[in-house]
Amino acid sequence: MAIHHQTLAFIFGLLGNIISFMVFLAPLPTFYKIYKKKSTEGFQSLPYIVALFSSMLWIYYALVKREGTLLLITINSFGCLIETIYLAIFLVYAANKTRLSTIKIILFLNVFGFGAMLLLTLFLTKGSKRISAIGWISLVFNISVFAAPLGIMKRVIMTKSVEFMPLSLSFFLTLNAIMWFFYGLLLNDYYIAVS
């Protein structure tokens, strides 16, 4: 008995949602530590800012594409919520200089950057060209979500401690990439599969 192509895609998408949920929750110990110590210490906000931006992009892509995108909308809506909570906690406990630079990056990328991209794709593209433009932008930023934790590698090497790069996050990011690859491949959506 062969499993239908769409059923397989749904299974990988559902697994992708479950694993993405765990990826989004992987930094909980970090934010619990920030809360307990009332300090962001050496933690950086950039991975969470980029993850929020990526979730926003995927929701926009899914809303424009419409067809077969419910799983993208559900998990990225959760991603927007949890990343916003993480950033709020970060801003509360960050030193003034770090708080200011984090706010600047959020405004530049998540407000003005997303707004500009939204306006440009709405007014300069139509139909499949709009989906393609948003797909490429989403793909690039989704890759940056996977690459953002690598920025912490310098600190890991210098301190010889993986405290700032949790193993759970790396593990779930790898599983996540595999699930979404197969989901995108089965749907012939190479923007999802490649990223």
Protein backbone atom coordinates (compact mmCIF):
# COMPACT_ATOMS: atom_id res chain seq x y z
CA MET A 1 0.00 0.00 0.00
CA ALA A 2 1.62 3.22 -1.21
CA ILE A 3 1.33 6.42 0.75
CA HIS A 4 -0.03 9.31 -1.29
CA HIS A 5 2.41 12.11 -2.12
CA GLN A 6 0.30 14.77 -0.32
CA THR A 7 -0.04 12.55 2.75
CA LEU A 8 3.73 12.22 2.99
CA ALA A 9 4.09 15.98 2.61
CA PHE A 10 1.56 16.50 5.41
CA ILE A 11 3.40 14.03 7.67
CA PHE A 12 6.74 15.80 7.12
CA GLY A 13 5.05 19.19 7.58
CA LEU A 14 3.44 18.04 10.82
CA LEU A 15 6.76 16.65 12.05
CA GLY A 16 8.35 19.93 10.95
CA ASN A 17 5.80 21.82 13.05
CA ILE A 18 6.46 19.64 16.10
CA ILE A 19 10.22 19.94 15.79
CA SER A 20 10.03 23.67 15.01
CA PHE A 21 7.96 24.04 18.18
CA MET A 22 10.85 22.41 20.09
CA VAL A 23 13.37 24.64 18.28
CA PHE A 24 11.44 27.71 19.34
CA LEU A 25 11.34 26.41 22.93
CA ALA A 26 15.03 25.34 23.01
CA PRO A 27 16.21 28.75 24.33
CA LEU A 28 13.89 28.54 27.37
CA PRO A 29 16.76 27.54 29.72
CA THR A 30 18.73 30.55 28.46
CA PHE A 31 15.89 32.93 29.20
CA TYR A 32 15.23 31.30 32.55
CA LYS A 33 18.90 31.92 33.38
CA ILE A 34 18.56 35.55 32.23
CA TYR A 35 15.46 35.93 34.41
CA LYS A 36 17.12 34.35 37.48
CA LYS A 37 20.33 36.38 37.17
CA LYS A 38 18.48 39.54 36.08
CA SER A 39 21.16 39.99 33.42
CA THR A 40 21.67 39.02 29.78
CA GLU A 41 25.37 38.40 30.54
CA GLY A 42 27.10 37.42 27.28
CA PHE A 43 23.97 36.35 25.45
CA GLN A 44 23.13 38.04 22.17
CA SER A 45 19.72 39.09 20.85
CA LEU A 46 20.52 38.78 17.14
CA PRO A 47 19.48 35.11 16.74
CA TYR A 48 16.05 35.93 18.20
CA ILE A 49 15.62 39.06 16.10
CA VAL A 50 16.49 37.15 12.94
CA ALA A 51 14.21 34.24 13.93
CA LEU A 52 11.32 36.69 14.46
CA PHE A 53 11.97 38.28 11.07
CA SER A 54 12.15 34.87 9.39
CA SER A 55 8.82 33.83 10.95
CA MET A 56 7.24 37.07 9.78
CA LEU A 57 8.52 36.43 6.24
CA TRP A 58 7.23 32.84 6.14
CA ILE A 59 3.78 33.97 7.29
CA TYR A 60 3.74 36.58 4.53
CA TYR A 61 4.92 33.99 1.98
CA ALA A 62 2.22 31.55 3.12
CA LEU A 63 -0.54 34.18 3.00
CA VAL A 64 0.43 35.23 -0.52
CA LYS A 65 0.87 31.68 -1.81
CA ARG A 66 -2.29 30.43 0.00
CA GLU A 67 -2.18 26.90 -1.40
CA GLY A 68 -1.06 24.25 1.10
CA THR A 69 0.46 26.68 3.57
CA LEU A 70 -1.54 26.12 6.76
CA LEU A 71 1.38 24.33 8.44
CA LEU A 72 3.69 27.27 7.65
CA ILE A 73 1.21 29.73 9.11
CA THR A 74 0.62 27.80 12.35
CA ILE A 75 4.24 27.25 13.32
CA ASN A 76 5.46 30.68 12.25
CA SER A 77 2.64 32.38 14.17
CA PHE A 78 3.86 30.53 17.25
CA GLY A 79 7.42 31.54 16.29
CA CYS A 80 6.47 35.22 16.15
CA LEU A 81 4.83 34.98 19.57
CA ILE A 82 7.66 33.15 21.33
CA GLU A 83 10.45 35.24 19.74
CA THR A 84 8.62 38.42 20.78
CA ILE A 85 8.44 37.11 24.35
CA TYR A 86 12.16 36.23 24.29
CA LEU A 87 13.05 39.68 23.00
CA ALA A 88 10.86 41.36 25.62
CA ILE A 89 12.65 39.42 28.38
CA PHE A 90 16.01 40.25 26.81
CA LEU A 91 15.16 43.96 26.67
CA VAL A 92 14.03 44.01 30.30
CA TYR A 93 17.30 42.56 31.61
CA ALA A 94 19.81 43.95 29.09
CA ALA A 95 22.27 46.69 29.99
CA ASN A 96 21.32 50.09 28.56
CA LYS A 97 23.83 49.97 25.70
CA THR A 98 22.78 46.44 24.70
CA ARG A 99 19.09 47.34 25.05
CA LEU A 100 19.51 50.35 22.77
CA SER A 101 21.41 48.42 20.10
CA THR A 102 18.80 45.61 20.23
CA ILE A 103 15.95 48.09 19.79
CA LYS A 104 17.78 49.66 16.83
CA ILE A 105 18.20 46.28 15.14
CA ILE A 106 14.56 45.36 15.77
CA LEU A 107 13.39 48.67 14.30
CA PHE A 108 15.74 48.43 11.33
CA LEU A 109 15.08 44.79 10.42
CA ASN A 110 11.68 43.82 11.78
CA VAL A 111 9.83 47.09 11.38
CA PHE A 112 11.41 49.09 8.56
CA GLY A 113 13.02 46.17 6.71
CA PHE A 114 9.89 44.04 6.75
CA GLY A 115 7.71 47.05 5.95
CA ALA A 116 9.87 48.02 2.97
CA MET A 117 9.94 44.44 1.68
CA LEU A 118 6.16 44.20 2.10
CA LEU A 119 5.53 47.43 0.20
CA LEU A 120 8.02 46.64 -2.56
CA THR A 121 6.63 43.16 -3.19
CA LEU A 122 3.03 44.41 -3.06
CA PHE A 123 3.54 47.28 -5.48
CA LEU A 124 6.35 46.07 -7.76
CA THR A 125 5.38 42.42 -8.28
CA LYS A 126 2.26 40.44 -9.12
CA GLY A 127 1.16 36.81 -9.09
CA SER A 128 3.89 34.21 -9.37
CA LYS A 129 6.63 36.87 -9.47
CA ARG A 130 5.48 38.11 -6.05
CA ILE A 131 5.52 34.58 -4.64
CA SER A 132 8.97 34.03 -6.15
CA ALA A 133 10.35 37.30 -4.73
CA ILE A 134 8.96 36.61 -1.25
CA GLY A 135 10.14 32.99 -1.50
CA TRP A 136 13.72 34.03 -2.26
CA ILE A 137 13.76 36.60 0.53
CA SER A 138 12.31 34.07 2.99
CA LEU A 139 14.82 31.45 1.88
CA VAL A 140 17.79 33.76 2.46
CA PHE A 141 16.62 34.82 5.90
CA ASN A 142 15.69 31.30 6.93
CA ILE A 143 19.23 30.25 6.11
CA SER A 144 20.42 33.13 8.31
CA VAL A 145 18.31 31.73 11.17
CA PHE A 146 20.28 28.51 10.90
CA ALA A 147 23.54 30.45 10.57
CA ALA A 148 22.85 32.97 13.39
CA PRO A 149 23.84 30.57 16.20
CA LEU A 150 27.18 30.10 14.45
CA GLY A 151 28.00 33.69 15.45
CA ILE A 152 28.23 32.38 18.99
CA MET A 153 30.95 29.91 17.95
CA LYS A 154 33.67 32.49 18.63
CA ARG A 155 32.54 32.75 22.25
CA VAL A 156 32.32 28.94 22.52
CA ILE A 157 35.89 28.59 21.21
CA MET A 158 37.27 31.43 23.36
CA THR A 159 35.63 30.26 26.59
CA LYS A 160 35.93 26.54 25.77
CA SER A 161 32.35 26.29 27.04
CA VAL A 162 29.14 25.45 25.18
CA GLU A 163 27.08 27.41 27.72
CA PHE A 164 26.18 30.01 25.09
CA MET A 165 25.32 27.45 22.39
CA PRO A 166 22.93 24.84 23.77
CA LEU A 167 23.22 21.36 22.29
CA SER A 168 19.42 21.02 22.24
CA LEU A 169 19.15 24.00 19.88
CA SER A 170 21.75 22.58 17.47
CA PHE A 171 20.12 19.14 17.53
CA PHE A 172 16.60 20.42 16.90
CA LEU A 173 17.77 22.81 14.17
CA THR A 174 19.28 19.87 12.31
CA LEU A 175 16.12 17.74 12.66
CA ASN A 176 14.03 20.75 11.72
CA ALA A 177 15.99 21.32 8.52
CA ILE A 178 15.54 17.67 7.50
CA MET A 179 11.75 17.71 8.03
CA TRP A 180 11.17 20.98 6.18
CA PHE A 181 13.47 19.83 3.35
CA PHE A 182 11.29 16.78 2.71
CA TYR A 183 8.10 18.80 3.17
CA GLY A 184 9.20 21.36 0.56
CA LEU A 185 10.54 18.67 -1.76
CA LEU A 186 7.28 16.69 -1.67
CA LEU A 187 5.26 19.85 -2.37
CA ASN A 188 7.69 20.96 -5.09
CA ASP A 189 8.20 24.17 -3.11
CA TYR A 190 11.92 24.65 -3.43
CA TYR A 191 11.93 27.83 -1.36
CA ILE A 192 11.03 25.73 1.64
CA ALA A 193 13.16 22.73 0.66
CA VAL A 194 16.39 24.62 -0.06
CA SER A 195 16.28 26.69 3.11
